[in-house]
Amino acid sequence: MTLNINEDLRAYIDPLSEDEFAALERSLLSEGCRDALVLWGDILVDGHNRYSICQKHEISFNTMQNSTFKSIEDVHLWMIDNHLGRRSVSDFQRGVLALRKKEIVSARVAQTQSQQSSAEPASADPSAQSEGEPPWTRETVARAARVSSATLGQIEKIQKTAAPELVSAVKSGVISINAAVAVASLPSEEQIAAVAGGKKELRQAARQVREARLPPKPKVEVDAPPSDASPDQLEIYRLTLAVAELTEERNQLKKKVQNLTIALSEARSGE
């Protein structure tokens, strides 16, 4: 059976890594293609990798039609929901997919509202949502992606400001989302150079960005003793100044420890 391959649909979801593709190939060779490929008419929607491997090794496979698809947006939403439910999808990938779903749903809601306004201008409710579809707030998107709102914000920033090479590094797990959002604030050429340097260079770049954001060490202000101060007064002044400097040094060290803890956590997660 020859199926119609839509290249936009094939590229809509991030491709498997070489190791993941090899593992899938071994599985199909030993167990066959157990899950049916999903079609929209003669267009392949789900199972591009399985189809490629089955064609290569002449492995038989089954197909099934999804009769719920009415438009390409329906196909995209189905693909997004299908991948959001998979455990192997990373936090970054889930965030990107959930944000794509928000764009589709929001566009549909806006179109519905526009049509309602044109047809019934007197009774149209501009705040109405499409039936059965809750408002896609930031919290809704974060829940769909199974990440925090803060992490979702970092993913959005990476999408907007990161060089393609840095985005690829996040997708492949070379760098964490926390570190990537820091590196993404650098000029594009510096991002690319950091990616070329590998994990160590990326972590170093992220650490330098964080340290640069620390507030400058303020000058310690302690009232100077009078010109005719006694030895005891001078000693009190010296000790007060020393305490103030040590307190400020402690605060700066606490911030550095926090940054190092984050960096260590990222290093462990990338091992």
C-alpha atoms as a PDB file:
ATOM      1  CA  MET A   1       0.000   0.000   0.000  1.00  0.00           C
ATOM      2  CA  THR A   2       1.315   3.425  -0.986  1.00  0.00           C
ATOM      3  CA  LEU A   3       0.199   6.355   1.143  1.00  0.00           C
ATOM      4  CA  ASN A   4       0.239  10.080   0.433  1.00  0.00           C
ATOM      5  CA  ILE A   5       2.904  11.841   2.512  1.00  0.00           C
ATOM      6  CA  ASN A   6       2.238  15.485   3.355  1.00  0.00           C
ATOM      7  CA  GLU A   7       5.653  16.971   4.141  1.00  0.00           C
ATOM      8  CA  ASP A   8       4.163  19.701   6.332  1.00  0.00           C
ATOM      9  CA  LEU A   9       2.457  17.060   8.487  1.00  0.00           C
ATOM     10  CA  ARG A  10       5.621  14.968   8.602  1.00  0.00           C
ATOM     11  CA  ALA A  11       7.564  17.984   9.904  1.00  0.00           C
ATOM     12  CA  TYR A  12       4.829  19.238  12.242  1.00  0.00           C
ATOM     13  CA  ILE A  13       6.143  17.124  15.128  1.00  0.00           C
ATOM     14  CA  ASP A  14       9.857  16.999  15.998  1.00  0.00           C
ATOM     15  CA  PRO A  15      11.522  13.971  14.369  1.00  0.00           C
ATOM     16  CA  LEU A  16      12.878  11.052  16.354  1.00  0.00           C
ATOM     17  CA  SER A  17      16.529  11.088  17.329  1.00  0.00           C
ATOM     18  CA  GLU A  18      18.842   8.563  15.673  1.00  0.00           C
ATOM     19  CA  ASP A  19      18.744   6.364  18.776  1.00  0.00           C
ATOM     20  CA  GLU A  20      14.937   6.528  18.988  1.00  0.00           C
ATOM     21  CA  PHE A  21      14.575   5.690  15.301  1.00  0.00           C
ATOM     22  CA  ALA A  22      16.983   2.748  15.645  1.00  0.00           C
ATOM     23  CA  ALA A  23      15.043   1.440  18.669  1.00  0.00           C
ATOM     24  CA  LEU A  24      11.765   1.680  16.729  1.00  0.00           C
ATOM     25  CA  GLU A  25      13.317  -0.149  13.792  1.00  0.00           C
ATOM     26  CA  ARG A  26      14.497  -2.990  16.038  1.00  0.00           C
ATOM     27  CA  SER A  27      11.039  -3.230  17.588  1.00  0.00           C
ATOM     28  CA  LEU A  28       9.282  -3.422  14.227  1.00  0.00           C
ATOM     29  CA  LEU A  29      11.707  -6.031  12.935  1.00  0.00           C
ATOM     30  CA  SER A  30      11.200  -8.252  15.980  1.00  0.00           C
ATOM     31  CA  GLU A  31       7.504  -7.689  16.707  1.00  0.00           C
ATOM     32  CA  GLY A  32       6.022  -6.320  13.493  1.00  0.00           C
ATOM     33  CA  CYS A  33       3.884  -3.187  13.168  1.00  0.00           C
ATOM     34  CA  ARG A  34       1.233  -3.719  15.836  1.00  0.00           C
ATOM     35  CA  ASP A  35      -0.369  -0.248  15.834  1.00  0.00           C
ATOM     36  CA  ALA A  36      -2.394   0.907  12.844  1.00  0.00           C
ATOM     37  CA  LEU A  37      -1.248   3.956  10.906  1.00  0.00           C
ATOM     38  CA  VAL A  38      -3.764   6.813  11.096  1.00  0.00           C
ATOM     39  CA  LEU A  39      -5.046   8.280   7.841  1.00  0.00           C
ATOM     40  CA  TRP A  40      -7.061  11.288   6.677  1.00  0.00           C
ATOM     41  CA  GLY A  41      -8.325  10.045   3.365  1.00  0.00           C
ATOM     42  CA  ASP A  42      -5.135   8.799   1.695  1.00  0.00           C
ATOM     43  CA  ILE A  43      -2.899  11.207   3.689  1.00  0.00           C
ATOM     44  CA  LEU A  44      -0.762   9.695   6.428  1.00  0.00           C
ATOM     45  CA  VAL A  45      -1.298  11.525   9.725  1.00  0.00           C
ATOM     46  CA  ASP A  46       0.379   9.362  12.364  1.00  0.00           C
ATOM     47  CA  GLY A  47       3.069   6.744  11.806  1.00  0.00           C
ATOM     48  CA  HIS A  48       5.527   8.333   9.370  1.00  0.00           C
ATOM     49  CA  ASN A  49       8.529   6.617  10.938  1.00  0.00           C
ATOM     50  CA  ARG A  50       6.774   3.246  11.127  1.00  0.00           C
ATOM     51  CA  TYR A  51       5.658   3.593   7.511  1.00  0.00           C
ATOM     52  CA  SER A  52       9.211   4.381   6.369  1.00  0.00           C
ATOM     53  CA  ILE A  53      10.647   1.385   8.221  1.00  0.00           C
ATOM     54  CA  CYS A  54       7.881  -0.943   7.018  1.00  0.00           C
ATOM     55  CA  GLN A  55       8.505   0.137   3.416  1.00  0.00           C
ATOM     56  CA  LYS A  56      12.237  -0.435   3.806  1.00  0.00           C
ATOM     57  CA  HIS A  57      11.922  -3.933   5.266  1.00  0.00           C
ATOM     58  CA  GLU A  58       8.639  -4.962   3.579  1.00  0.00           C
ATOM     59  CA  ILE A  59       6.840  -5.274   6.926  1.00  0.00           C
ATOM     60  CA  SER A  60       3.044  -5.490   6.688  1.00  0.00           C
ATOM     61  CA  PHE A  61       0.958  -2.868   8.469  1.00  0.00           C
ATOM     62  CA  ASN A  62      -2.663  -1.872   9.013  1.00  0.00           C
ATOM     63  CA  THR A  63      -4.289   1.525   8.578  1.00  0.00           C
ATOM     64  CA  MET A  64      -7.322   3.227  10.081  1.00  0.00           C
ATOM     65  CA  GLN A  65      -9.323   6.257   9.025  1.00  0.00           C
ATOM     66  CA  ASN A  66     -10.071   9.046  11.499  1.00  0.00           C
ATOM     67  CA  SER A  67     -13.522  10.243  10.526  1.00  0.00           C
ATOM     68  CA  THR A  68     -13.449  13.220  12.925  1.00  0.00           C
ATOM     69  CA  PHE A  69     -11.059  15.258  10.778  1.00  0.00           C
ATOM     70  CA  LYS A  70     -12.849  18.063   8.937  1.00  0.00           C
ATOM     71  CA  SER A  71      -9.876  20.360   8.275  1.00  0.00           C
ATOM     72  CA  ILE A  72      -6.106  20.505   8.502  1.00  0.00           C
ATOM     73  CA  GLU A  73      -6.520  22.297  11.858  1.00  0.00           C
ATOM     74  CA  ASP A  74      -8.397  19.239  13.155  1.00  0.00           C
ATOM     75  CA  VAL A  75      -5.458  17.105  12.072  1.00  0.00           C
ATOM     76  CA  HIS A  76      -2.972  19.420  13.785  1.00  0.00           C
ATOM     77  CA  LEU A  77      -4.968  19.429  17.031  1.00  0.00           C
ATOM     78  CA  TRP A  78      -5.198  15.631  16.997  1.00  0.00           C
ATOM     79  CA  MET A  79      -1.452  15.316  16.400  1.00  0.00           C
ATOM     80  CA  ILE A  80      -0.731  17.761  19.239  1.00  0.00           C
ATOM     81  CA  ASP A  81      -3.019  15.992  21.730  1.00  0.00           C
ATOM     82  CA  ASN A  82      -1.607  12.614  20.691  1.00  0.00           C
ATOM     83  CA  HIS A  83       1.970  13.708  21.381  1.00  0.00           C
ATOM     84  CA  LEU A  84       1.166  15.648  24.549  1.00  0.00           C
ATOM     85  CA  GLY A  85       0.037  12.364  26.067  1.00  0.00           C
ATOM     86  CA  ARG A  86       3.299  10.545  25.371  1.00  0.00           C
ATOM     87  CA  ARG A  87       5.763  10.128  28.209  1.00  0.00           C
ATOM     88  CA  SER A  88       8.820  10.349  25.974  1.00  0.00           C
ATOM     89  CA  VAL A  89       8.101  13.958  24.974  1.00  0.00           C
ATOM     90  CA  SER A  90      10.304  16.487  26.803  1.00  0.00           C
ATOM     91  CA  ASP A  91       9.041  19.489  28.783  1.00  0.00           C
ATOM     92  CA  PHE A  92      10.246  21.830  26.042  1.00  0.00           C
ATOM     93  CA  GLN A  93       8.496  19.875  23.296  1.00  0.00           C
ATOM     94  CA  ARG A  94       5.257  19.710  25.307  1.00  0.00           C
ATOM     95  CA  GLY A  95       5.414  23.468  25.900  1.00  0.00           C
ATOM     96  CA  VAL A  96       5.879  24.151  22.177  1.00  0.00           C
ATOM     97  CA  LEU A  97       3.006  21.823  21.274  1.00  0.00           C
ATOM     98  CA  ALA A  98       0.665  23.348  23.866  1.00  0.00           C
ATOM     99  CA  LEU A  99       1.473  26.839  22.575  1.00  0.00           C
ATOM    100  CA  ARG A 100       0.670  25.686  19.035  1.00  0.00           C
ATOM    101  CA  LYS A 101      -2.675  24.369  20.263  1.00  0.00           C
ATOM    102  CA  LYS A 102      -3.405  27.712  21.891  1.00  0.00           C
ATOM    103  CA  GLU A 103      -2.780  29.492  18.571  1.00  0.00           C
ATOM    104  CA  ILE A 104      -5.176  27.183  16.714  1.00  0.00           C
ATOM    105  CA  VAL A 105      -7.913  27.339  19.356  1.00  0.00           C
ATOM    106  CA  SER A 106      -7.586  31.122  19.761  1.00  0.00           C
ATOM    107  CA  ALA A 107      -7.813  31.617  15.985  1.00  0.00           C
ATOM    108  CA  ARG A 108     -10.943  29.477  15.849  1.00  0.00           C
ATOM    109  CA  VAL A 109     -12.547  31.380  18.723  1.00  0.00           C
ATOM    110  CA  ALA A 110     -11.750  34.704  17.032  1.00  0.00           C
ATOM    111  CA  GLN A 111     -13.224  33.463  13.753  1.00  0.00           C
ATOM    112  CA  THR A 112     -16.384  32.237  15.487  1.00  0.00           C
ATOM    113  CA  GLN A 113     -16.794  35.556  17.299  1.00  0.00           C
ATOM    114  CA  SER A 114     -16.335  37.452  14.024  1.00  0.00           C
ATOM    115  CA  GLN A 115     -18.969  35.340  12.289  1.00  0.00           C
ATOM    116  CA  GLN A 116     -21.384  35.763  15.202  1.00  0.00           C
ATOM    117  CA  SER A 117     -20.811  39.511  15.235  1.00  0.00           C
ATOM    118  CA  SER A 118     -21.562  39.738  11.525  1.00  0.00           C
ATOM    119  CA  ALA A 119     -24.671  37.574  11.747  1.00  0.00           C
ATOM    120  CA  GLU A 120     -26.080  38.880  15.053  1.00  0.00           C
ATOM    121  CA  PRO A 121     -24.477  42.227  15.891  1.00  0.00           C
ATOM    122  CA  ALA A 122     -27.042  43.050  18.560  1.00  0.00           C
ATOM    123  CA  SER A 123     -26.633  39.893  20.614  1.00  0.00           C
ATOM    124  CA  ALA A 124     -23.033  38.893  19.944  1.00  0.00           C
ATOM    125  CA  ASP A 125     -20.944  38.366  23.055  1.00  0.00           C
ATOM    126  CA  PRO A 126     -17.304  39.336  22.312  1.00  0.00           C
ATOM    127  CA  SER A 127     -16.084  37.330  25.294  1.00  0.00           C
ATOM    128  CA  ALA A 128     -17.796  34.115  24.256  1.00  0.00           C
ATOM    129  CA  GLN A 129     -15.731  30.984  23.705  1.00  0.00           C
ATOM    130  CA  SER A 130     -16.555  28.220  21.247  1.00  0.00           C
ATOM    131  CA  GLU A 131     -18.840  25.605  22.732  1.00  0.00           C
ATOM    132  CA  GLY A 132     -17.043  22.998  24.787  1.00  0.00           C
ATOM    133  CA  GLU A 133     -13.679  24.791  24.594  1.00  0.00           C
ATOM    134  CA  PRO A 134     -12.445  26.492  27.792  1.00  0.00           C
ATOM    135  CA  PRO A 135     -10.498  29.761  27.581  1.00  0.00           C
ATOM    136  CA  TRP A 136      -6.858  29.024  26.770  1.00  0.00           C
ATOM    137  CA  THR A 137      -5.186  31.103  29.445  1.00  0.00           C
ATOM    138  CA  ARG A 138      -1.489  30.794  30.288  1.00  0.00           C
ATOM    139  CA  GLU A 139      -2.419  28.470  33.171  1.00  0.00           C
ATOM    140  CA  THR A 140      -4.464  26.266  30.811  1.00  0.00           C
ATOM    141  CA  VAL A 141      -1.574  26.008  28.373  1.00  0.00           C
ATOM    142  CA  ALA A 142       0.867  25.218  31.201  1.00  0.00           C
ATOM    143  CA  ARG A 143      -1.394  22.455  32.515  1.00  0.00           C
ATOM    144  CA  ALA A 144      -1.715  20.952  29.045  1.00  0.00           C
ATOM    145  CA  ALA A 145       2.083  20.934  28.750  1.00  0.00           C
ATOM    146  CA  ARG A 146       2.482  19.655  32.336  1.00  0.00           C
ATOM    147  CA  VAL A 147       4.912  22.472  33.147  1.00  0.00           C
ATOM    148  CA  SER A 148       4.730  25.525  35.406  1.00  0.00           C
ATOM    149  CA  SER A 149       3.633  28.924  34.101  1.00  0.00           C
ATOM    150  CA  ALA A 150       7.190  30.161  34.700  1.00  0.00           C
ATOM    151  CA  THR A 151       8.643  27.351  32.589  1.00  0.00           C
ATOM    152  CA  LEU A 152       6.113  28.046  29.855  1.00  0.00           C
ATOM    153  CA  GLY A 153       7.246  31.678  29.840  1.00  0.00           C
ATOM    154  CA  GLN A 154      10.855  30.519  29.456  1.00  0.00           C
ATOM    155  CA  ILE A 155       9.871  28.296  26.525  1.00  0.00           C
ATOM    156  CA  GLU A 156       8.155  31.254  24.836  1.00  0.00           C
ATOM    157  CA  LYS A 157      11.262  33.397  25.314  1.00  0.00           C
ATOM    158  CA  ILE A 158      13.502  30.676  23.882  1.00  0.00           C
ATOM    159  CA  GLN A 159      11.242  30.406  20.838  1.00  0.00           C
ATOM    160  CA  LYS A 160      11.388  34.169  20.282  1.00  0.00           C
ATOM    161  CA  THR A 161      15.049  34.958  21.004  1.00  0.00           C
ATOM    162  CA  ALA A 162      17.108  31.766  20.734  1.00  0.00           C
ATOM    163  CA  ALA A 163      19.205  31.011  17.679  1.00  0.00           C
ATOM    164  CA  PRO A 164      18.097  27.863  15.800  1.00  0.00           C
ATOM    165  CA  GLU A 165      21.229  26.089  17.002  1.00  0.00           C
ATOM    166  CA  LEU A 166      20.314  26.801  20.635  1.00  0.00           C
ATOM    167  CA  VAL A 167      16.726  25.624  20.094  1.00  0.00           C
ATOM    168  CA  SER A 168      18.092  22.368  18.666  1.00  0.00           C
ATOM    169  CA  ALA A 169      20.324  21.982  21.724  1.00  0.00           C
ATOM    170  CA  VAL A 170      17.304  22.343  24.031  1.00  0.00           C
ATOM    171  CA  LYS A 171      15.267  19.855  21.995  1.00  0.00           C
ATOM    172  CA  SER A 172      18.067  17.286  22.119  1.00  0.00           C
ATOM    173  CA  GLY A 173      18.587  17.738  25.861  1.00  0.00           C
ATOM    174  CA  VAL A 174      22.103  19.167  25.570  1.00  0.00           C
ATOM    175  CA  ILE A 175      21.016  22.165  27.647  1.00  0.00           C
ATOM    176  CA  SER A 176      18.165  22.629  30.109  1.00  0.00           C
ATOM    177  CA  ILE A 177      15.335  25.129  29.665  1.00  0.00           C
ATOM    178  CA  ASN A 178      16.613  27.183  32.637  1.00  0.00           C
ATOM    179  CA  ALA A 179      20.103  27.467  31.178  1.00  0.00           C
ATOM    180  CA  ALA A 180      18.865  27.990  27.610  1.00  0.00           C
ATOM    181  CA  VAL A 181      16.719  30.972  28.535  1.00  0.00           C
ATOM    182  CA  ALA A 182      19.817  32.618  30.031  1.00  0.00           C
ATOM    183  CA  VAL A 183      21.967  31.889  26.968  1.00  0.00           C
ATOM    184  CA  ALA A 184      19.142  33.101  24.700  1.00  0.00           C
ATOM    185  CA  SER A 185      19.657  36.630  26.048  1.00  0.00           C
ATOM    186  CA  LEU A 186      23.099  36.744  24.407  1.00  0.00           C
ATOM    187  CA  PRO A 187      23.693  37.967  20.831  1.00  0.00           C
ATOM    188  CA  SER A 188      22.980  35.294  18.227  1.00  0.00           C
ATOM    189  CA  GLU A 189      26.643  34.755  17.321  1.00  0.00           C
ATOM    190  CA  GLU A 190      27.535  34.164  20.979  1.00  0.00           C
ATOM    191  CA  GLN A 191      24.705  31.659  21.302  1.00  0.00           C
ATOM    192  CA  ILE A 192      25.961  29.761  18.263  1.00  0.00           C
ATOM    193  CA  ALA A 193      29.529  29.764  19.591  1.00  0.00           C
ATOM    194  CA  ALA A 194      28.350  28.430  22.959  1.00  0.00           C
ATOM    195  CA  VAL A 195      26.407  25.611  21.278  1.00  0.00           C
ATOM    196  CA  ALA A 196      29.471  24.736  19.185  1.00  0.00           C
ATOM    197  CA  GLY A 197      31.484  24.457  22.409  1.00  0.00           C
ATOM    198  CA  GLY A 198      29.205  21.739  23.774  1.00  0.00           C
ATOM    199  CA  LYS A 199      27.640  21.235  27.209  1.00  0.00           C
ATOM    200  CA  LYS A 200      30.525  22.727  29.191  1.00  0.00           C
ATOM    201  CA  GLU A 201      30.584  25.927  27.151  1.00  0.00           C
ATOM    202  CA  LEU A 202      26.803  26.288  27.336  1.00  0.00           C
ATOM    203  CA  ARG A 203      26.785  25.924  31.131  1.00  0.00           C
ATOM    204  CA  GLN A 204      29.616  28.433  31.412  1.00  0.00           C
ATOM    205  CA  ALA A 205      27.715  30.920  29.228  1.00  0.00           C
ATOM    206  CA  ALA A 206      24.538  30.483  31.291  1.00  0.00           C
ATOM    207  CA  ARG A 207      26.480  30.990  34.537  1.00  0.00           C
ATOM    208  CA  GLN A 208      28.135  34.152  33.246  1.00  0.00           C
ATOM    209  CA  VAL A 209      24.767  35.599  32.209  1.00  0.00           C
ATOM    210  CA  ARG A 210      23.310  34.906  35.657  1.00  0.00           C
ATOM    211  CA  GLU A 211      26.296  36.386  37.461  1.00  0.00           C
ATOM    212  CA  ALA A 212      26.144  39.484  35.262  1.00  0.00           C
ATOM    213  CA  ARG A 213      22.558  39.988  36.383  1.00  0.00           C
ATOM    214  CA  LEU A 214      23.532  40.111  40.049  1.00  0.00           C
ATOM    215  CA  PRO A 215      23.259  43.630  41.462  1.00  0.00           C
ATOM    216  CA  PRO A 216      26.598  45.395  41.899  1.00  0.00           C
ATOM    217  CA  LYS A 217      28.085  45.180  45.345  1.00  0.00           C
ATOM    218  CA  PRO A 218      26.846  48.286  47.157  1.00  0.00           C
ATOM    219  CA  LYS A 219      29.190  50.463  49.133  1.00  0.00           C
ATOM    220  CA  VAL A 220      28.881  49.826  52.841  1.00  0.00           C
ATOM    221  CA  GLU A 221      27.891  53.026  54.578  1.00  0.00           C
ATOM    222  CA  VAL A 222      28.729  53.454  58.276  1.00  0.00           C
ATOM    223  CA  ASP A 223      28.863  56.811  59.992  1.00  0.00           C
ATOM    224  CA  ALA A 224      32.487  57.821  60.470  1.00  0.00           C
ATOM    225  CA  PRO A 225      33.614  58.510  64.018  1.00  0.00           C
ATOM    226  CA  PRO A 226      34.273  62.112  65.106  1.00  0.00           C
ATOM    227  CA  SER A 227      37.755  63.509  64.678  1.00  0.00           C
ATOM    228  CA  ASP A 228      38.296  63.429  68.442  1.00  0.00           C
ATOM    229  CA  ALA A 229      36.990  59.870  68.852  1.00  0.00           C
ATOM    230  CA  SER A 230      38.375  57.820  71.687  1.00  0.00           C
ATOM    231  CA  PRO A 231      40.141  54.511  71.083  1.00  0.00           C
ATOM    232  CA  ASP A 232      36.957  52.672  72.109  1.00  0.00           C
ATOM    233  CA  GLN A 233      34.882  54.642  69.605  1.00  0.00           C
ATOM    234  CA  LEU A 234      37.388  53.897  66.838  1.00  0.00           C
ATOM    235  CA  GLU A 235      37.292  50.215  67.707  1.00  0.00           C
ATOM    236  CA  ILE A 236      33.471  50.214  67.630  1.00  0.00           C
ATOM    237  CA  TYR A 237      33.567  51.915  64.228  1.00  0.00           C
ATOM    238  CA  ARG A 238      36.041  49.352  62.887  1.00  0.00           C
ATOM    239  CA  LEU A 239      33.956  46.434  64.130  1.00  0.00           C
ATOM    240  CA  THR A 240      30.700  47.939  62.811  1.00  0.00           C
ATOM    241  CA  LEU A 241      32.266  48.434  59.391  1.00  0.00           C
ATOM    242  CA  ALA A 242      33.595  44.862  59.397  1.00  0.00           C
ATOM    243  CA  VAL A 243      30.170  43.458  60.324  1.00  0.00           C
ATOM    244  CA  ALA A 244      28.471  45.445  57.541  1.00  0.00           C
ATOM    245  CA  GLU A 245      31.005  44.233  54.960  1.00  0.00           C
ATOM    246  CA  LEU A 246      30.695  40.606  56.087  1.00  0.00           C
ATOM    247  CA  THR A 247      26.904  40.815  55.963  1.00  0.00           C
ATOM    248  CA  GLU A 248      26.995  42.090  52.396  1.00  0.00           C
ATOM    249  CA  GLU A 249      29.557  39.456  51.424  1.00  0.00           C
ATOM    250  CA  ARG A 250      27.311  36.764  52.913  1.00  0.00           C
ATOM    251  CA  ASN A 251      24.348  37.995  50.871  1.00  0.00           C
ATOM    252  CA  GLN A 252      26.384  37.935  47.670  1.00  0.00           C
ATOM    253  CA  LEU A 253      27.648  34.432  48.439  1.00  0.00           C
ATOM    254  CA  LYS A 254      24.095  33.208  49.033  1.00  0.00           C
ATOM    255  CA  LYS A 255      23.113  34.406  45.564  1.00  0.00           C
ATOM    256  CA  LYS A 256      26.136  32.694  44.025  1.00  0.00           C
ATOM    257  CA  VAL A 257      25.295  29.456  45.846  1.00  0.00           C
ATOM    258  CA  GLN A 258      21.768  29.627  44.435  1.00  0.00           C
ATOM    259  CA  ASN A 259      23.163  30.002  40.907  1.00  0.00           C
ATOM    260  CA  LEU A 260      25.638  27.168  41.454  1.00  0.00           C
ATOM    261  CA  THR A 261      22.855  24.938  42.800  1.00  0.00           C
ATOM    262  CA  ILE A 262      20.825  25.562  39.654  1.00  0.00           C
ATOM    263  CA  ALA A 263      23.867  24.860  37.479  1.00  0.00           C
ATOM    264  CA  LEU A 264      24.621  21.626  39.380  1.00  0.00           C
ATOM    265  CA  SER A 265      21.031  20.480  39.005  1.00  0.00           C
ATOM    266  CA  GLU A 266      21.204  21.160  35.265  1.00  0.00           C
ATOM    267  CA  ALA A 267      24.487  19.282  34.991  1.00  0.00           C
ATOM    268  CA  ARG A 268      23.038  16.235  36.765  1.00  0.00           C
ATOM    269  CA  SER A 269      19.888  16.246  34.637  1.00  0.00           C
ATOM    270  CA  GLY A 270      22.018  16.316  31.507  1.00  0.00           C
ATOM    271  CA  GLU A 271      24.185  13.353  32.506  1.00  0.00           C
END
